[in-house]
Amino acid sequence: MNTLKIDLPHLSEESDRHGNVRLYARRHGRRIRIRASRGSKDFAAAYAAALEKLSERAPPDTTPQLQRAPRSSLVLLAFLYFGSD
């Protein structure tokens, strides 16, 4: 019997370091793992729930904003040094 493979939007199939295939719903830079096997009724429900959750707006960024040090100071020099990669 031939199986029909449907390409679902926002569905990502990735392999972990052990070679196991994992399914993720990805949207707006976030992802949620779908633990149900592909093609099952549980998969359809989990996929729909993941997309619903991902369609919500991301929480606002609450990290404190760094202030710039005065120009030509040692603090600025240290900031630039430790901030570089």
C-alpha atoms as a PDB file:
ATOM      1  CA  MET A   1       0.000   0.000   0.000  1.00  0.00           C
ATOM      2  CA  ASN A   2       1.330   3.425  -0.935  1.00  0.00           C
ATOM      3  CA  THR A   3       1.315   6.098   1.702  1.00  0.00           C
ATOM      4  CA  LEU A   4       0.616   9.704   0.946  1.00  0.00           C
ATOM      5  CA  LYS A   5       3.203  12.038   2.420  1.00  0.00           C
ATOM      6  CA  ILE A   6       1.851  15.507   3.117  1.00  0.00           C
ATOM      7  CA  ASP A   7       4.234  18.414   3.610  1.00  0.00           C
ATOM      8  CA  LEU A   8       2.799  20.285   6.582  1.00  0.00           C
ATOM      9  CA  PRO A   9       3.779  23.927   6.999  1.00  0.00           C
ATOM     10  CA  HIS A  10       5.914  24.757  10.039  1.00  0.00           C
ATOM     11  CA  LEU A  11       6.789  21.077  10.621  1.00  0.00           C
ATOM     12  CA  SER A  12      10.474  20.291  10.999  1.00  0.00           C
ATOM     13  CA  GLU A  13      11.997  16.826  11.130  1.00  0.00           C
ATOM     14  CA  GLU A  14      15.404  16.734  12.833  1.00  0.00           C
ATOM     15  CA  SER A  15      17.741  13.983  13.959  1.00  0.00           C
ATOM     16  CA  ASP A  16      19.347  14.040  17.383  1.00  0.00           C
ATOM     17  CA  ARG A  17      22.910  12.964  18.097  1.00  0.00           C
ATOM     18  CA  HIS A  18      21.813   9.329  18.402  1.00  0.00           C
ATOM     19  CA  GLY A  19      20.064   9.310  15.029  1.00  0.00           C
ATOM     20  CA  ASN A  20      16.521   9.418  16.423  1.00  0.00           C
ATOM     21  CA  VAL A  21      14.114  11.504  14.366  1.00  0.00           C
ATOM     22  CA  ARG A  22      12.301  14.250  16.253  1.00  0.00           C
ATOM     23  CA  LEU A  23       9.357  16.280  14.997  1.00  0.00           C
ATOM     24  CA  TYR A  24       9.018  19.960  15.822  1.00  0.00           C
ATOM     25  CA  ALA A  25       6.472  22.644  15.025  1.00  0.00           C
ATOM     26  CA  ARG A  26       8.479  25.822  14.303  1.00  0.00           C
ATOM     27  CA  ARG A  27       7.136  29.317  13.943  1.00  0.00           C
ATOM     28  CA  HIS A  28       8.418  32.838  14.634  1.00  0.00           C
ATOM     29  CA  GLY A  29      11.808  31.537  15.786  1.00  0.00           C
ATOM     30  CA  ARG A  30      10.324  29.229  18.431  1.00  0.00           C
ATOM     31  CA  ARG A  31       9.687  25.496  18.335  1.00  0.00           C
ATOM     32  CA  ILE A  32       7.672  22.884  20.205  1.00  0.00           C
ATOM     33  CA  ARG A  33       8.437  19.188  20.056  1.00  0.00           C
ATOM     34  CA  ILE A  34       5.642  16.878  18.896  1.00  0.00           C
ATOM     35  CA  ARG A  35       5.968  13.527  20.640  1.00  0.00           C
ATOM     36  CA  ALA A  36       3.174  11.664  18.821  1.00  0.00           C
ATOM     37  CA  SER A  37       4.040   9.486  15.841  1.00  0.00           C
ATOM     38  CA  ARG A  38       3.428  10.990  12.410  1.00  0.00           C
ATOM     39  CA  GLY A  39       0.104  10.057  10.854  1.00  0.00           C
ATOM     40  CA  SER A  40      -1.747   9.225  14.069  1.00  0.00           C
ATOM     41  CA  LYS A  41      -4.785  11.028  15.441  1.00  0.00           C
ATOM     42  CA  ASP A  42      -2.701  12.125  18.411  1.00  0.00           C
ATOM     43  CA  PHE A  43      -0.213  13.693  16.011  1.00  0.00           C
ATOM     44  CA  ALA A  44      -2.888  15.810  14.345  1.00  0.00           C
ATOM     45  CA  ALA A  45      -4.106  17.056  17.727  1.00  0.00           C
ATOM     46  CA  ALA A  46      -0.574  17.752  19.002  1.00  0.00           C
ATOM     47  CA  TYR A  47       0.370  19.545  15.766  1.00  0.00           C
ATOM     48  CA  ALA A  48      -2.737  21.754  15.923  1.00  0.00           C
ATOM     49  CA  ALA A  49      -2.124  22.548  19.615  1.00  0.00           C
ATOM     50  CA  ALA A  50       1.524  23.411  18.937  1.00  0.00           C
ATOM     51  CA  LEU A  51       0.619  25.753  16.077  1.00  0.00           C
ATOM     52  CA  GLU A  52      -2.026  27.399  18.243  1.00  0.00           C
ATOM     53  CA  LYS A  53       0.498  27.992  20.999  1.00  0.00           C
ATOM     54  CA  LEU A  54       3.143  29.249  18.563  1.00  0.00           C
ATOM     55  CA  SER A  55       0.710  31.663  16.906  1.00  0.00           C
ATOM     56  CA  GLU A  56       0.455  33.593  20.174  1.00  0.00           C
ATOM     57  CA  ARG A  57       2.750  36.556  20.477  1.00  0.00           C
ATOM     58  CA  ALA A  58       6.089  35.937  22.099  1.00  0.00           C
ATOM     59  CA  PRO A  59       6.499  37.426  25.563  1.00  0.00           C
ATOM     60  CA  PRO A  60       8.255  40.787  25.553  1.00  0.00           C
ATOM     61  CA  ASP A  61      11.979  40.836  26.073  1.00  0.00           C
ATOM     62  CA  THR A  62      12.558  41.716  29.725  1.00  0.00           C
ATOM     63  CA  THR A  63      16.349  41.654  29.722  1.00  0.00           C
ATOM     64  CA  PRO A  64      17.796  44.897  31.038  1.00  0.00           C
ATOM     65  CA  GLN A  65      19.239  47.192  28.429  1.00  0.00           C
ATOM     66  CA  LEU A  66      22.907  47.997  28.827  1.00  0.00           C
ATOM     67  CA  GLN A  67      23.880  51.622  28.904  1.00  0.00           C
ATOM     68  CA  ARG A  68      26.788  52.823  26.862  1.00  0.00           C
ATOM     69  CA  ALA A  69      29.891  53.900  28.784  1.00  0.00           C
ATOM     70  CA  PRO A  70      31.376  57.351  28.218  1.00  0.00           C
ATOM     71  CA  ARG A  71      33.626  57.607  25.217  1.00  0.00           C
ATOM     72  CA  SER A  72      37.397  57.307  25.812  1.00  0.00           C
ATOM     73  CA  SER A  73      37.051  55.537  29.160  1.00  0.00           C
ATOM     74  CA  LEU A  74      38.453  52.283  30.480  1.00  0.00           C
ATOM     75  CA  VAL A  75      34.910  51.057  31.125  1.00  0.00           C
ATOM     76  CA  LEU A  76      34.119  51.357  27.425  1.00  0.00           C
ATOM     77  CA  LEU A  77      37.321  49.545  26.532  1.00  0.00           C
ATOM     78  CA  ALA A  78      36.479  46.674  28.917  1.00  0.00           C
ATOM     79  CA  PHE A  79      32.894  46.579  27.623  1.00  0.00           C
ATOM     80  CA  LEU A  80      34.072  46.279  24.028  1.00  0.00           C
ATOM     81  CA  TYR A  81      36.678  43.665  24.910  1.00  0.00           C
ATOM     82  CA  PHE A  82      34.421  41.368  26.928  1.00  0.00           C
ATOM     83  CA  GLY A  83      31.471  41.886  24.614  1.00  0.00           C
ATOM     84  CA  SER A  84      33.321  40.742  21.515  1.00  0.00           C
ATOM     85  CA  ASP A  85      33.240  37.138  20.369  1.00  0.00           C
END
